[in-house]
PDB file of N, CA and C in Angstrom:
ATOM      1  N   UNK A   1     -55.973  53.096 -22.955  1.00  0.00           N
ATOM      2  CA  UNK A   1     -54.807  52.682 -22.202  1.00  0.00           C
ATOM      3  C   UNK A   1     -53.761  53.801 -22.273  1.00  0.00           C
ATOM      4  N   UNK A   2     -53.184  54.138 -21.138  1.00  0.00           N
ATOM      5  CA  UNK A   2     -52.166  55.175 -21.096  1.00  0.00           C
ATOM      6  C   UNK A   2     -50.783  54.582 -21.369  1.00  0.00           C
ATOM      7  N   UNK A   3     -49.835  55.462 -21.577  1.00  0.00           N
ATOM      8  CA  UNK A   3     -48.446  55.020 -21.763  1.00  0.00           C
ATOM      9  C   UNK A   3     -47.939  54.299 -20.522  1.00  0.00           C
ATOM     10  N   UNK A   4     -48.370  54.752 -19.368  1.00  0.00           N
ATOM     11  CA  UNK A   4     -47.948  54.126 -18.114  1.00  0.00           C
ATOM     12  C   UNK A   4     -48.420  52.670 -18.086  1.00  0.00           C
ATOM     13  N   UNK A   5     -49.641  52.445 -18.561  1.00  0.00           N
ATOM     14  CA  UNK A   5     -50.169  51.079 -18.621  1.00  0.00           C
ATOM     15  C   UNK A   5     -49.462  50.248 -19.688  1.00  0.00           C
ATOM     16  N   UNK A   6     -49.313  50.815 -20.883  1.00  0.00           N
ATOM     17  CA  UNK A   6     -48.754  50.029 -21.984  1.00  0.00           C
ATOM     18  C   UNK A   6     -47.287  49.664 -21.770  1.00  0.00           C
ATOM     19  N   UNK A   7     -46.538  50.511 -21.063  1.00  0.00           N
ATOM     20  CA  UNK A   7     -45.139  50.193 -20.774  1.00  0.00           C
ATOM     21  C   UNK A   7     -44.984  49.500 -19.420  1.00  0.00           C
ATOM     22  N   UNK A   8     -46.126  49.187 -18.794  1.00  0.00           N
ATOM     23  CA  UNK A   8     -46.159  48.474 -17.507  1.00  0.00           C
ATOM     24  C   UNK A   8     -45.240  49.132 -16.486  1.00  0.00           C
ATOM     25  N   UNK A   9     -45.467  50.432 -16.302  1.00  0.00           N
ATOM     26  CA  UNK A   9     -44.639  51.227 -15.393  1.00  0.00           C
ATOM     27  C   UNK A   9     -45.255  51.215 -14.005  1.00  0.00           C
ATOM     28  N   UNK A  10     -44.402  51.017 -13.018  1.00  0.00           N
ATOM     29  CA  UNK A  10     -44.800  51.092 -11.621  1.00  0.00           C
ATOM     30  C   UNK A  10     -44.017  52.207 -10.963  1.00  0.00           C
ATOM     31  N   UNK A  11     -44.729  53.065 -10.226  1.00  0.00           N
ATOM     32  CA  UNK A  11     -44.098  54.080  -9.398  1.00  0.00           C
ATOM     33  C   UNK A  11     -44.001  53.507  -7.992  1.00  0.00           C
ATOM     34  N   UNK A  12     -42.832  53.634  -7.379  1.00  0.00           N
ATOM     35  CA  UNK A  12     -42.549  52.931  -6.131  1.00  0.00           C
ATOM     36  C   UNK A  12     -41.974  53.891  -5.090  1.00  0.00           C
ATOM     37  N   UNK A  13     -42.477  53.788  -3.864  1.00  0.00           N
ATOM     38  CA  UNK A  13     -41.885  54.471  -2.721  1.00  0.00           C
ATOM     39  C   UNK A  13     -40.973  53.474  -2.018  1.00  0.00           C
ATOM     40  N   UNK A  14     -39.687  53.726  -2.044  1.00  0.00           N
ATOM     41  CA  UNK A  14     -38.730  52.855  -1.353  1.00  0.00           C
ATOM     42  C   UNK A  14     -38.409  53.435   0.010  1.00  0.00           C
ATOM     43  N   UNK A  15     -38.390  52.578   1.023  1.00  0.00           N
ATOM     44  CA  UNK A  15     -38.021  52.991   2.368  1.00  0.00           C
ATOM     45  C   UNK A  15     -36.589  52.533   2.609  1.00  0.00           C
ATOM     46  N   UNK A  16     -35.692  53.496   2.749  1.00  0.00           N
ATOM     47  CA  UNK A  16     -34.289  53.184   2.997  1.00  0.00           C
ATOM     48  C   UNK A  16     -33.892  53.839   4.309  1.00  0.00           C
ATOM     49  N   UNK A  17     -33.799  53.048   5.363  1.00  0.00           N
ATOM     50  CA  UNK A  17     -33.432  53.531   6.701  1.00  0.00           C
ATOM     51  C   UNK A  17     -34.309  54.690   7.154  1.00  0.00           C
ATOM     52  N   UNK A  18     -35.619  54.579   6.901  1.00  0.00           N
ATOM     53  CA  UNK A  18     -36.563  55.582   7.373  1.00  0.00           C
ATOM     54  C   UNK A  18     -36.722  56.787   6.469  1.00  0.00           C
ATOM     55  N   UNK A  19     -36.073  56.779   5.316  1.00  0.00           N
ATOM     56  CA  UNK A  19     -36.224  57.859   4.345  1.00  0.00           C
ATOM     57  C   UNK A  19     -36.889  57.301   3.096  1.00  0.00           C
ATOM     58  N   UNK A  20     -37.865  58.034   2.576  1.00  0.00           N
ATOM     59  CA  UNK A  20     -38.588  57.602   1.386  1.00  0.00           C
ATOM     60  C   UNK A  20     -37.881  58.118   0.134  1.00  0.00           C
ATOM     61  N   UNK A  21     -37.660  57.209  -0.799  1.00  0.00           N
ATOM     62  CA  UNK A  21     -37.096  57.551  -2.103  1.00  0.00           C
ATOM     63  C   UNK A  21     -38.068  57.088  -3.169  1.00  0.00           C
ATOM     64  N   UNK A  22     -38.398  57.965  -4.076  1.00  0.00           N
ATOM     65  CA  UNK A  22     -39.334  57.643  -5.150  1.00  0.00           C
ATOM     66  C   UNK A  22     -38.552  57.143  -6.361  1.00  0.00           C
ATOM     67  N   UNK A  23     -39.083  56.098  -6.968  1.00  0.00           N
ATOM     68  CA  UNK A  23     -38.450  55.529  -8.142  1.00  0.00           C
ATOM     69  C   UNK A  23     -39.523  54.971  -9.063  1.00  0.00           C
ATOM     70  N   UNK A  24     -39.112  54.544 -10.239  1.00  0.00           N
ATOM     71  CA  UNK A  24     -40.040  53.957 -11.199  1.00  0.00           C
ATOM     72  C   UNK A  24     -39.338  52.817 -11.914  1.00  0.00           C
ATOM     73  N   UNK A  25     -40.134  51.866 -12.369  1.00  0.00           N
ATOM     74  CA  UNK A  25     -39.580  50.766 -13.153  1.00  0.00           C
ATOM     75  C   UNK A  25     -40.569  50.398 -14.246  1.00  0.00           C
ATOM     76  N   UNK A  26     -40.029  49.852 -15.317  1.00  0.00           N
ATOM     77  CA  UNK A  26     -40.850  49.413 -16.443  1.00  0.00           C
ATOM     78  C   UNK A  26     -40.662  47.920 -16.626  1.00  0.00           C
ATOM     79  N   UNK A  27     -41.755  47.196 -16.601  1.00  0.00           N
ATOM     80  CA  UNK A  27     -41.680  45.745 -16.804  1.00  0.00           C
ATOM     81  C   UNK A  27     -41.345  45.399 -18.248  1.00  0.00           C
ATOM     82  N   UNK A  28     -41.514  46.369 -19.177  1.00  0.00           N
ATOM     83  CA  UNK A  28     -41.169  46.113 -20.570  1.00  0.00           C
ATOM     84  C   UNK A  28     -39.713  46.474 -20.849  1.00  0.00           C
ATOM     85  N   UNK A  29     -39.029  47.051 -19.853  1.00  0.00           N
ATOM     86  CA  UNK A  29     -37.633  47.406 -20.026  1.00  0.00           C
ATOM     87  C   UNK A  29     -37.406  48.696 -20.789  1.00  0.00           C
ATOM     88  N   UNK A  30     -38.473  49.467 -21.010  1.00  0.00           N
ATOM     89  CA  UNK A  30     -38.323  50.722 -21.746  1.00  0.00           C
ATOM     90  C   UNK A  30     -37.466  51.702 -20.946  1.00  0.00           C
ATOM     91  N   UNK A  31     -36.402  52.233 -21.538  1.00  0.00           N
ATOM     92  CA  UNK A  31     -35.500  53.115 -20.800  1.00  0.00           C
ATOM     93  C   UNK A  31     -36.041  54.521 -20.574  1.00  0.00           C
ATOM     94  N   UNK A  32     -37.122  54.900 -21.240  1.00  0.00           N
ATOM     95  CA  UNK A  32     -37.619  56.258 -21.138  1.00  0.00           C
ATOM     96  C   UNK A  32     -38.000  56.623 -19.716  1.00  0.00           C
ATOM     97  N   UNK A  33     -38.633  55.726 -18.994  1.00  0.00           N
ATOM     98  CA  UNK A  33     -39.047  56.051 -17.633  1.00  0.00           C
ATOM     99  C   UNK A  33     -37.834  56.263 -16.733  1.00  0.00           C
ATOM    100  N   UNK A  34     -36.743  55.592 -17.002  1.00  0.00           N
ATOM    101  CA  UNK A  34     -35.543  55.799 -16.194  1.00  0.00           C
ATOM    102  C   UNK A  34     -34.961  57.185 -16.454  1.00  0.00           C
ATOM    103  N   UNK A  35     -35.063  57.637 -17.687  1.00  0.00           N
ATOM    104  CA  UNK A  35     -34.626  58.991 -18.034  1.00  0.00           C
ATOM    105  C   UNK A  35     -35.479  60.017 -17.295  1.00  0.00           C
ATOM    106  N   UNK A  36     -36.791  59.852 -17.345  1.00  0.00           N
ATOM    107  CA  UNK A  36     -37.711  60.788 -16.709  1.00  0.00           C
ATOM    108  C   UNK A  36     -37.560  60.761 -15.192  1.00  0.00           C
ATOM    109  N   UNK A  37     -37.441  59.581 -14.623  1.00  0.00           N
ATOM    110  CA  UNK A  37     -37.427  59.469 -13.163  1.00  0.00           C
ATOM    111  C   UNK A  37     -36.096  59.894 -12.544  1.00  0.00           C
ATOM    112  N   UNK A  38     -35.159  60.341 -13.338  1.00  0.00           N
ATOM    113  CA  UNK A  38     -33.905  60.878 -12.801  1.00  0.00           C
ATOM    114  C   UNK A  38     -34.100  62.292 -12.258  1.00  0.00           C
ATOM    115  N   UNK A  39     -35.224  62.932 -12.610  1.00  0.00           N
ATOM    116  CA  UNK A  39     -35.512  64.287 -12.160  1.00  0.00           C
ATOM    117  C   UNK A  39     -36.514  64.248 -11.014  1.00  0.00           C
ATOM    118  N   UNK A  40     -36.190  64.946  -9.927  1.00  0.00           N
ATOM    119  CA  UNK A  40     -37.057  64.972  -8.751  1.00  0.00           C
ATOM    120  C   UNK A  40     -37.643  66.353  -8.479  1.00  0.00           C
ATOM    121  N   UNK A  41     -37.503  67.266  -9.425  1.00  0.00           N
ATOM    122  CA  UNK A  41     -37.995  68.633  -9.265  1.00  0.00           C
ATOM    123  C   UNK A  41     -39.257  68.842 -10.089  1.00  0.00           C
ATOM    124  N   UNK A  42     -40.446  68.883  -9.450  1.00  0.00           N
ATOM    125  CA  UNK A  42     -41.689  69.066 -10.205  1.00  0.00           C
ATOM    126  C   UNK A  42     -41.697  70.317 -11.097  1.00  0.00           C
ATOM    127  N   UNK A  43     -41.010  71.372 -10.677  1.00  0.00           N
ATOM    128  CA  UNK A  43     -40.966  72.600 -11.483  1.00  0.00           C
ATOM    129  C   UNK A  43     -40.217  72.369 -12.798  1.00  0.00           C
ATOM    130  N   UNK A  44     -39.142  71.626 -12.738  1.00  0.00           N
ATOM    131  CA  UNK A  44     -38.380  71.317 -13.954  1.00  0.00           C
ATOM    132  C   UNK A  44     -39.208  70.403 -14.859  1.00  0.00           C
ATOM    133  N   UNK A  45     -39.866  69.419 -14.263  1.00  0.00           N
ATOM    134  CA  UNK A  45     -40.714  68.513 -15.045  1.00  0.00           C
ATOM    135  C   UNK A  45     -41.817  69.305 -15.737  1.00  0.00           C
ATOM    136  N   UNK A  46     -42.443  70.259 -15.008  1.00  0.00           N
ATOM    137  CA  UNK A  46     -43.496  71.067 -15.612  1.00  0.00           C
ATOM    138  C   UNK A  46     -42.957  71.901 -16.765  1.00  0.00           C
ATOM    139  N   UNK A  47     -41.754  72.411 -16.624  1.00  0.00           N
ATOM    140  CA  UNK A  47     -41.129  73.177 -17.708  1.00  0.00           C
ATOM    141  C   UNK A  47     -40.942  72.310 -18.953  1.00  0.00           C
ATOM    142  N   UNK A  48     -40.527  71.074 -18.748  1.00  0.00           N
ATOM    143  CA  UNK A  48     -40.364  70.152 -19.879  1.00  0.00           C
ATOM    144  C   UNK A  48     -41.726  69.834 -20.494  1.00  0.00           C
ATOM    145  N   UNK A  49     -42.753  69.632 -19.655  1.00  0.00           N
ATOM    146  CA  UNK A  49     -44.105  69.383 -20.162  1.00  0.00           C
ATOM    147  C   UNK A  49     -44.561  70.548 -21.036  1.00  0.00           C
ATOM    148  N   UNK A  50     -44.307  71.764 -20.590  1.00  0.00           N
ATOM    149  CA  UNK A  50     -44.681  72.959 -21.362  1.00  0.00           C
ATOM    150  C   UNK A  50     -43.968  72.960 -22.710  1.00  0.00           C
ATOM    151  N   UNK A  51     -42.683  72.636 -22.717  1.00  0.00           N
ATOM    152  CA  UNK A  51     -41.929  72.600 -23.974  1.00  0.00           C
ATOM    153  C   UNK A  51     -42.426  71.488 -24.893  1.00  0.00           C
ATOM    154  N   UNK A  52     -42.746  70.329 -24.328  1.00  0.00           N
ATOM    155  CA  UNK A  52     -43.300  69.235 -25.131  1.00  0.00           C
ATOM    156  C   UNK A  52     -44.645  69.656 -25.720  1.00  0.00           C
ATOM    157  N   UNK A  53     -45.455  70.346 -24.931  1.00  0.00           N
ATOM    158  CA  UNK A  53     -46.738  70.858 -25.442  1.00  0.00           C
ATOM    159  C   UNK A  53     -46.533  71.788 -26.631  1.00  0.00           C
ATOM    160  N   UNK A  54     -45.540  72.663 -26.557  1.00  0.00           N
ATOM    161  CA  UNK A  54     -45.248  73.552 -27.690  1.00  0.00           C
ATOM    162  C   UNK A  54     -44.930  72.737 -28.941  1.00  0.00           C
ATOM    163  N   UNK A  55     -44.115  71.698 -28.782  1.00  0.00           N
ATOM    164  CA  UNK A  55     -43.765  70.850 -29.930  1.00  0.00           C
ATOM    165  C   UNK A  55     -45.003  70.133 -30.466  1.00  0.00           C
ATOM    166  N   UNK A  56     -45.827  69.595 -29.573  1.00  0.00           N
ATOM    167  CA  UNK A  56     -47.048  68.895 -29.985  1.00  0.00           C
ATOM    168  C   UNK A  56     -47.961  69.831 -30.772  1.00  0.00           C
ATOM    169  N   UNK A  57     -48.067  71.072 -30.322  1.00  0.00           N
ATOM    170  CA  UNK A  57     -48.976  72.044 -30.932  1.00  0.00           C
ATOM    171  C   UNK A  57     -48.401  72.735 -32.166  1.00  0.00           C
ATOM    172  N   UNK A  58     -47.221  72.290 -32.608  1.00  0.00           N
ATOM    173  CA  UNK A  58     -46.627  72.861 -33.808  1.00  0.00           C
ATOM    174  C   UNK A  58     -45.951  74.200 -33.593  1.00  0.00           C
ATOM    175  N   UNK A  59     -45.666  74.536 -32.337  1.00  0.00           N
ATOM    176  CA  UNK A  59     -45.007  75.804 -32.005  1.00  0.00           C
ATOM    177  C   UNK A  59     -43.592  75.555 -31.484  1.00  0.00           C
ATOM    178  N   UNK A  60     -42.811  74.816 -32.249  1.00  0.00           N
ATOM    179  CA  UNK A  60     -41.480  74.421 -31.778  1.00  0.00           C
ATOM    180  C   UNK A  60     -40.598  75.629 -31.473  1.00  0.00           C
ATOM    181  N   UNK A  61     -40.828  76.740 -32.135  1.00  0.00           N
ATOM    182  CA  UNK A  61     -40.014  77.938 -31.883  1.00  0.00           C
ATOM    183  C   UNK A  61     -40.217  78.473 -30.461  1.00  0.00           C
ATOM    184  N   UNK A  62     -41.280  78.059 -29.776  1.00  0.00           N
ATOM    185  CA  UNK A  62     -41.539  78.500 -28.401  1.00  0.00           C
ATOM    186  C   UNK A  62     -40.871  77.604 -27.355  1.00  0.00           C
ATOM    187  N   UNK A  63     -40.278  76.485 -27.799  1.00  0.00           N
ATOM    188  CA  UNK A  63     -39.602  75.586 -26.858  1.00  0.00           C
ATOM    189  C   UNK A  63     -38.428  76.336 -26.229  1.00  0.00           C
ATOM    190  N   UNK A  64     -38.452  76.419 -24.897  1.00  0.00           N
ATOM    191  CA  UNK A  64     -37.411  77.158 -24.184  1.00  0.00           C
ATOM    192  C   UNK A  64     -36.073  76.439 -24.178  1.00  0.00           C
ATOM    193  N   UNK A  65     -36.111  75.118 -23.981  1.00  0.00           N
ATOM    194  CA  UNK A  65     -34.873  74.345 -23.942  1.00  0.00           C
ATOM    195  C   UNK A  65     -35.154  72.948 -24.485  1.00  0.00           C
ATOM    196  N   UNK A  66     -34.706  72.691 -25.671  1.00  0.00           N
ATOM    197  CA  UNK A  66     -34.940  71.386 -26.304  1.00  0.00           C
ATOM    198  C   UNK A  66     -34.027  70.297 -25.744  1.00  0.00           C
ATOM    199  N   UNK A  67     -32.964  70.681 -25.057  1.00  0.00           N
ATOM    200  CA  UNK A  67     -32.021  69.713 -24.495  1.00  0.00           C
ATOM    201  C   UNK A  67     -32.549  69.213 -23.154  1.00  0.00           C
ATOM    202  N   UNK A  68     -32.954  67.966 -23.095  1.00  0.00           N
ATOM    203  CA  UNK A  68     -33.469  67.366 -21.859  1.00  0.00           C
ATOM    204  C   UNK A  68     -32.582  66.198 -21.440  1.00  0.00           C
ATOM    205  N   UNK A  69     -31.305  66.333 -21.677  1.00  0.00           N
ATOM    206  CA  UNK A  69     -30.339  65.272 -21.377  1.00  0.00           C
ATOM    207  C   UNK A  69     -30.246  65.014 -19.878  1.00  0.00           C
ATOM    208  N   UNK A  70     -29.829  63.804 -19.540  1.00  0.00           N
ATOM    209  CA  UNK A  70     -29.576  63.426 -18.146  1.00  0.00           C
ATOM    210  C   UNK A  70     -28.112  63.024 -18.032  1.00  0.00           C
ATOM    211  N   UNK A  71     -27.745  62.503 -16.883  1.00  0.00           N
ATOM    212  CA  UNK A  71     -26.369  62.068 -16.686  1.00  0.00           C
ATOM    213  C   UNK A  71     -26.020  60.838 -17.522  1.00  0.00           C
ATOM    214  N   UNK A  72     -27.036  60.072 -17.915  1.00  0.00           N
ATOM    215  CA  UNK A  72     -26.773  58.827 -18.628  1.00  0.00           C
ATOM    216  C   UNK A  72     -27.210  58.832 -20.085  1.00  0.00           C
ATOM    217  N   UNK A  73     -27.987  59.849 -20.485  1.00  0.00           N
ATOM    218  CA  UNK A  73     -28.473  59.897 -21.861  1.00  0.00           C
ATOM    219  C   UNK A  73     -28.469  61.325 -22.381  1.00  0.00           C
ATOM    220  N   UNK A  74     -28.268  61.418 -23.664  1.00  0.00           N
ATOM    221  CA  UNK A  74     -28.430  62.692 -24.354  1.00  0.00           C
ATOM    222  C   UNK A  74     -29.814  62.642 -24.975  1.00  0.00           C
ATOM    223  N   UNK A  75     -30.632  63.662 -24.708  1.00  0.00           N
ATOM    224  CA  UNK A  75     -32.007  63.649 -25.203  1.00  0.00           C
ATOM    225  C   UNK A  75     -32.427  65.052 -25.619  1.00  0.00           C
ATOM    226  N   UNK A  76     -33.257  65.095 -26.662  1.00  0.00           N
ATOM    227  CA  UNK A  76     -33.738  66.366 -27.196  1.00  0.00           C
ATOM    228  C   UNK A  76     -35.211  66.276 -27.531  1.00  0.00           C
ATOM    229  N   UNK A  77     -35.898  67.383 -27.316  1.00  0.00           N
ATOM    230  CA  UNK A  77     -37.245  67.538 -27.854  1.00  0.00           C
ATOM    231  C   UNK A  77     -37.055  68.003 -29.291  1.00  0.00           C
ATOM    232  N   UNK A  78     -37.697  67.330 -30.225  1.00  0.00           N
ATOM    233  CA  UNK A  78     -37.655  67.758 -31.623  1.00  0.00           C
ATOM    234  C   UNK A  78     -39.091  68.102 -32.037  1.00  0.00           C
ATOM    235  N   UNK A  79     -39.299  68.669 -33.205  1.00  0.00           N
ATOM    236  CA  UNK A  79     -40.669  68.994 -33.609  1.00  0.00           C
ATOM    237  C   UNK A  79     -41.594  67.775 -33.696  1.00  0.00           C
ATOM    238  N   UNK A  80     -41.037  66.579 -33.844  1.00  0.00           N
ATOM    239  CA  UNK A  80     -41.872  65.398 -34.060  1.00  0.00           C
ATOM    240  C   UNK A  80     -41.800  64.324 -32.994  1.00  0.00           C
ATOM    241  N   UNK A  81     -40.764  64.341 -32.134  1.00  0.00           N
ATOM    242  CA  UNK A  81     -40.598  63.283 -31.143  1.00  0.00           C
ATOM    243  C   UNK A  81     -39.543  63.671 -30.119  1.00  0.00           C
ATOM    244  N   UNK A  82     -39.276  62.746 -29.227  1.00  0.00           N
ATOM    245  CA  UNK A  82     -38.149  62.868 -28.302  1.00  0.00           C
ATOM    246  C   UNK A  82     -37.054  61.980 -28.860  1.00  0.00           C
ATOM    247  N   UNK A  83     -35.864  62.529 -28.968  1.00  0.00           N
ATOM    248  CA  UNK A  83     -34.735  61.811 -29.553  1.00  0.00           C
ATOM    249  C   UNK A  83     -33.724  61.514 -28.450  1.00  0.00           C
ATOM    250  N   UNK A  84     -33.412  60.221 -28.275  1.00  0.00           N
ATOM    251  CA  UNK A  84     -32.459  59.778 -27.259  1.00  0.00           C
ATOM    252  C   UNK A  84     -31.189  59.266 -27.931  1.00  0.00           C
ATOM    253  N   UNK A  85     -30.072  59.623 -27.360  1.00  0.00           N
ATOM    254  CA  UNK A  85     -28.767  59.111 -27.796  1.00  0.00           C
ATOM    255  C   UNK A  85     -28.076  58.530 -26.574  1.00  0.00           C
ATOM    256  N   UNK A  86     -27.459  57.385 -26.736  1.00  0.00           N
ATOM    257  CA  UNK A  86     -26.676  56.779 -25.664  1.00  0.00           C
ATOM    258  C   UNK A  86     -25.457  57.661 -25.420  1.00  0.00           C
ATOM    259  N   UNK A  87     -25.144  57.888 -24.166  1.00  0.00           N
ATOM    260  CA  UNK A  87     -23.988  58.719 -23.844  1.00  0.00           C
ATOM    261  C   UNK A  87     -22.677  58.034 -24.233  1.00  0.00           C
ATOM    262  N   UNK A  88     -22.731  56.701 -24.398  1.00  0.00           N
ATOM    263  CA  UNK A  88     -21.581  55.928 -24.859  1.00  0.00           C
ATOM    264  C   UNK A  88     -21.374  56.226 -26.338  1.00  0.00           C
ATOM    265  N   UNK A  89     -20.282  56.848 -26.674  1.00  0.00           N
ATOM    266  CA  UNK A  89     -20.037  57.295 -28.050  1.00  0.00           C
ATOM    267  C   UNK A  89     -19.943  56.166 -29.068  1.00  0.00           C
ATOM    268  N   UNK A  90     -19.767  54.951 -28.615  1.00  0.00           N
ATOM    269  CA  UNK A  90     -19.674  53.854 -29.570  1.00  0.00           C
ATOM    270  C   UNK A  90     -21.041  53.481 -30.147  1.00  0.00           C
ATOM    271  N   UNK A  91     -22.098  53.860 -29.475  1.00  0.00           N
ATOM    272  CA  UNK A  91     -23.451  53.563 -29.954  1.00  0.00           C
ATOM    273  C   UNK A  91     -24.108  54.869 -30.399  1.00  0.00           C
ATOM    274  N   UNK A  92     -24.041  55.162 -31.677  1.00  0.00           N
ATOM    275  CA  UNK A  92     -24.568  56.425 -32.181  1.00  0.00           C
ATOM    276  C   UNK A  92     -25.854  56.246 -32.978  1.00  0.00           C
ATOM    277  N   UNK A  93     -26.697  55.322 -32.559  1.00  0.00           N
ATOM    278  CA  UNK A  93     -27.997  55.126 -33.185  1.00  0.00           C
ATOM    279  C   UNK A  93     -29.049  55.710 -32.260  1.00  0.00           C
ATOM    280  N   UNK A  94     -29.769  56.749 -32.690  1.00  0.00           N
ATOM    281  CA  UNK A  94     -30.763  57.351 -31.798  1.00  0.00           C
ATOM    282  C   UNK A  94     -32.001  56.470 -31.644  1.00  0.00           C
ATOM    283  N   UNK A  95     -32.673  56.659 -30.518  1.00  0.00           N
ATOM    284  CA  UNK A  95     -33.978  56.057 -30.285  1.00  0.00           C
ATOM    285  C   UNK A  95     -34.981  57.200 -30.271  1.00  0.00           C
ATOM    286  N   UNK A  96     -36.195  56.936 -30.724  1.00  0.00           N
ATOM    287  CA  UNK A  96     -37.213  57.972 -30.791  1.00  0.00           C
ATOM    288  C   UNK A  96     -38.406  57.565 -29.944  1.00  0.00           C
ATOM    289  N   UNK A  97     -39.045  58.561 -29.334  1.00  0.00           N
ATOM    290  CA  UNK A  97     -40.191  58.325 -28.476  1.00  0.00           C
ATOM    291  C   UNK A  97     -41.250  59.366 -28.788  1.00  0.00           C
ATOM    292  N   UNK A  98     -42.484  58.965 -28.810  1.00  0.00           N
ATOM    293  CA  UNK A  98     -43.606  59.843 -29.116  1.00  0.00           C
ATOM    294  C   UNK A  98     -43.703  61.011 -28.129  1.00  0.00           C
ATOM    295  N   UNK A  99     -43.973  62.208 -28.658  1.00  0.00           N
ATOM    296  CA  UNK A  99     -44.162  63.379 -27.800  1.00  0.00           C
ATOM    297  C   UNK A  99     -45.327  63.174 -26.837  1.00  0.00           C
ATOM    298  N   UNK A 100     -46.434  62.636 -27.344  1.00  0.00           N
ATOM    299  CA  UNK A 100     -47.609  62.432 -26.496  1.00  0.00           C
ATOM    300  C   UNK A 100     -47.354  61.425 -25.384  1.00  0.00           C
ATOM    301  N   UNK A 101     -46.698  60.323 -25.727  1.00  0.00           N
ATOM    302  CA  UNK A 101     -46.398  59.321 -24.705  1.00  0.00           C
ATOM    303  C   UNK A 101     -45.408  59.867 -23.673  1.00  0.00           C
ATOM    304  N   UNK A 102     -44.421  60.601 -24.142  1.00  0.00           N
ATOM    305  CA  UNK A 102     -43.443  61.196 -23.230  1.00  0.00           C
ATOM    306  C   UNK A 102     -44.139  62.151 -22.268  1.00  0.00           C
ATOM    307  N   UNK A 103     -45.059  62.955 -22.799  1.00  0.00           N
ATOM    308  CA  UNK A 103     -45.809  63.884 -21.950  1.00  0.00           C
ATOM    309  C   UNK A 103     -46.611  63.122 -20.893  1.00  0.00           C
ATOM    310  N   UNK A 104     -47.281  62.045 -21.278  1.00  0.00           N
ATOM    311  CA  UNK A 104     -48.043  61.241 -20.315  1.00  0.00           C
ATOM    312  C   UNK A 104     -47.135  60.713 -19.196  1.00  0.00           C
ATOM    313  N   UNK A 105     -45.957  60.245 -19.560  1.00  0.00           N
ATOM    314  CA  UNK A 105     -45.032  59.731 -18.553  1.00  0.00           C
ATOM    315  C   UNK A 105     -44.558  60.851 -17.627  1.00  0.00           C
ATOM    316  N   UNK A 106     -44.272  62.022 -18.199  1.00  0.00           N
ATOM    317  CA  UNK A 106     -43.857  63.168 -17.381  1.00  0.00           C
ATOM    318  C   UNK A 106     -44.936  63.551 -16.379  1.00  0.00           C
ATOM    319  N   UNK A 107     -46.179  63.614 -16.841  1.00  0.00           N
ATOM    320  CA  UNK A 107     -47.290  63.989 -15.957  1.00  0.00           C
ATOM    321  C   UNK A 107     -47.459  62.945 -14.853  1.00  0.00           C
ATOM    322  N   UNK A 108     -47.392  61.668 -15.212  1.00  0.00           N
ATOM    323  CA  UNK A 108     -47.505  60.609 -14.210  1.00  0.00           C
ATOM    324  C   UNK A 108     -46.411  60.696 -13.158  1.00  0.00           C
ATOM    325  N   UNK A 109     -45.180  60.919 -13.604  1.00  0.00           N
ATOM    326  CA  UNK A 109     -44.048  61.008 -12.674  1.00  0.00           C
ATOM    327  C   UNK A 109     -44.185  62.243 -11.786  1.00  0.00           C
ATOM    328  N   UNK A 110     -44.553  63.380 -12.376  1.00  0.00           N
ATOM    329  CA  UNK A 110     -44.720  64.609 -11.586  1.00  0.00           C
ATOM    330  C   UNK A 110     -45.801  64.414 -10.528  1.00  0.00           C
ATOM    331  N   UNK A 111     -46.938  63.838 -10.908  1.00  0.00           N
ATOM    332  CA  UNK A 111     -48.021  63.609  -9.942  1.00  0.00           C
ATOM    333  C   UNK A 111     -47.582  62.671  -8.830  1.00  0.00           C
ATOM    334  N   UNK A 112     -46.803  61.649  -9.183  1.00  0.00           N
ATOM    335  CA  UNK A 112     -46.291  60.726  -8.171  1.00  0.00           C
ATOM    336  C   UNK A 112     -45.345  61.446  -7.207  1.00  0.00           C
ATOM    337  N   UNK A 113     -44.468  62.292  -7.729  1.00  0.00           N
ATOM    338  CA  UNK A 113     -43.546  63.040  -6.868  1.00  0.00           C
ATOM    339  C   UNK A 113     -44.284  63.946  -5.892  1.00  0.00           C
ATOM    340  N   UNK A 114     -45.422  64.481  -6.335  1.00  0.00           N
ATOM    341  CA  UNK A 114     -46.178  65.414  -5.500  1.00  0.00           C
ATOM    342  C   UNK A 114     -47.122  64.714  -4.520  1.00  0.00           C
ATOM    343  N   UNK A 115     -47.211  63.384  -4.607  1.00  0.00           N
ATOM    344  CA  UNK A 115     -48.091  62.645  -3.702  1.00  0.00           C
ATOM    345  C   UNK A 115     -47.309  62.171  -2.480  1.00  0.00           C
ATOM    346  N   UNK A 116     -47.953  62.217  -1.295  1.00  0.00           N
ATOM    347  CA  UNK A 116     -47.269  61.762  -0.080  1.00  0.00           C
ATOM    348  C   UNK A 116     -47.018  60.260  -0.121  1.00  0.00           C
ATOM    349  N   UNK A 117     -45.991  59.789   0.536  1.00  0.00           N
ATOM    350  CA  UNK A 117     -44.937  60.587   1.164  1.00  0.00           C
ATOM    351  C   UNK A 117     -44.029  61.191   0.105  1.00  0.00           C
ATOM    352  N   UNK A 118     -43.502  62.351   0.404  1.00  0.00           N
ATOM    353  CA  UNK A 118     -42.670  63.052  -0.575  1.00  0.00           C
ATOM    354  C   UNK A 118     -41.260  62.471  -0.611  1.00  0.00           C
ATOM    355  N   UNK A 119     -40.633  62.597  -1.779  1.00  0.00           N
ATOM    356  CA  UNK A 119     -39.276  62.086  -1.997  1.00  0.00           C
ATOM    357  C   UNK A 119     -38.320  62.719  -0.967  1.00  0.00           C
ATOM    358  N   UNK A 120     -37.582  61.878  -0.290  1.00  0.00           N
ATOM    359  CA  UNK A 120     -36.593  62.344   0.686  1.00  0.00           C
ATOM    360  C   UNK A 120     -37.162  62.603   2.065  1.00  0.00           C
ATOM    361  N   UNK A 121     -38.470  62.345   2.257  1.00  0.00           N
ATOM    362  CA  UNK A 121     -39.052  62.620   3.568  1.00  0.00           C
ATOM    363  C   UNK A 121     -38.746  61.472   4.536  1.00  0.00           C
ATOM    364  N   UNK A 122     -38.675  61.826   5.788  1.00  0.00           N
ATOM    365  CA  UNK A 122     -38.455  60.845   6.846  1.00  0.00           C
ATOM    366  C   UNK A 122     -39.804  60.302   7.302  1.00  0.00           C
ATOM    367  N   UNK A 123     -39.824  59.010   7.590  1.00  0.00           N
ATOM    368  CA  UNK A 123     -41.078  58.432   8.094  1.00  0.00           C
ATOM    369  C   UNK A 123     -40.948  58.097   9.560  1.00  0.00           C
TER     370      UNK A 123
END
């Protein structure tokens, strides 16, 4: 079973006035997919996958950019996991996510973005 299956993630093409928008949702409510699906650039996603691979392989010094924060979360690649912090300063308890599971979600999202119809395309 993949991370996509275990977190019950669905990748969705939304049609909004003839324009396709790609999104994802988790039936388990896991916030990680929302963090990942905020990025629509396959090249950036691949760069993060490469950095996660370095961490997985014990080569953390090769990670180009450990900061993978979004507009709503502060996130870092660490040698052992992905560390999430709520951007709301009142909640300073980090959440941790497996490097392998995070990589699986990144690959799934990247593949979905690259599949037709493409994000932002007109139908």
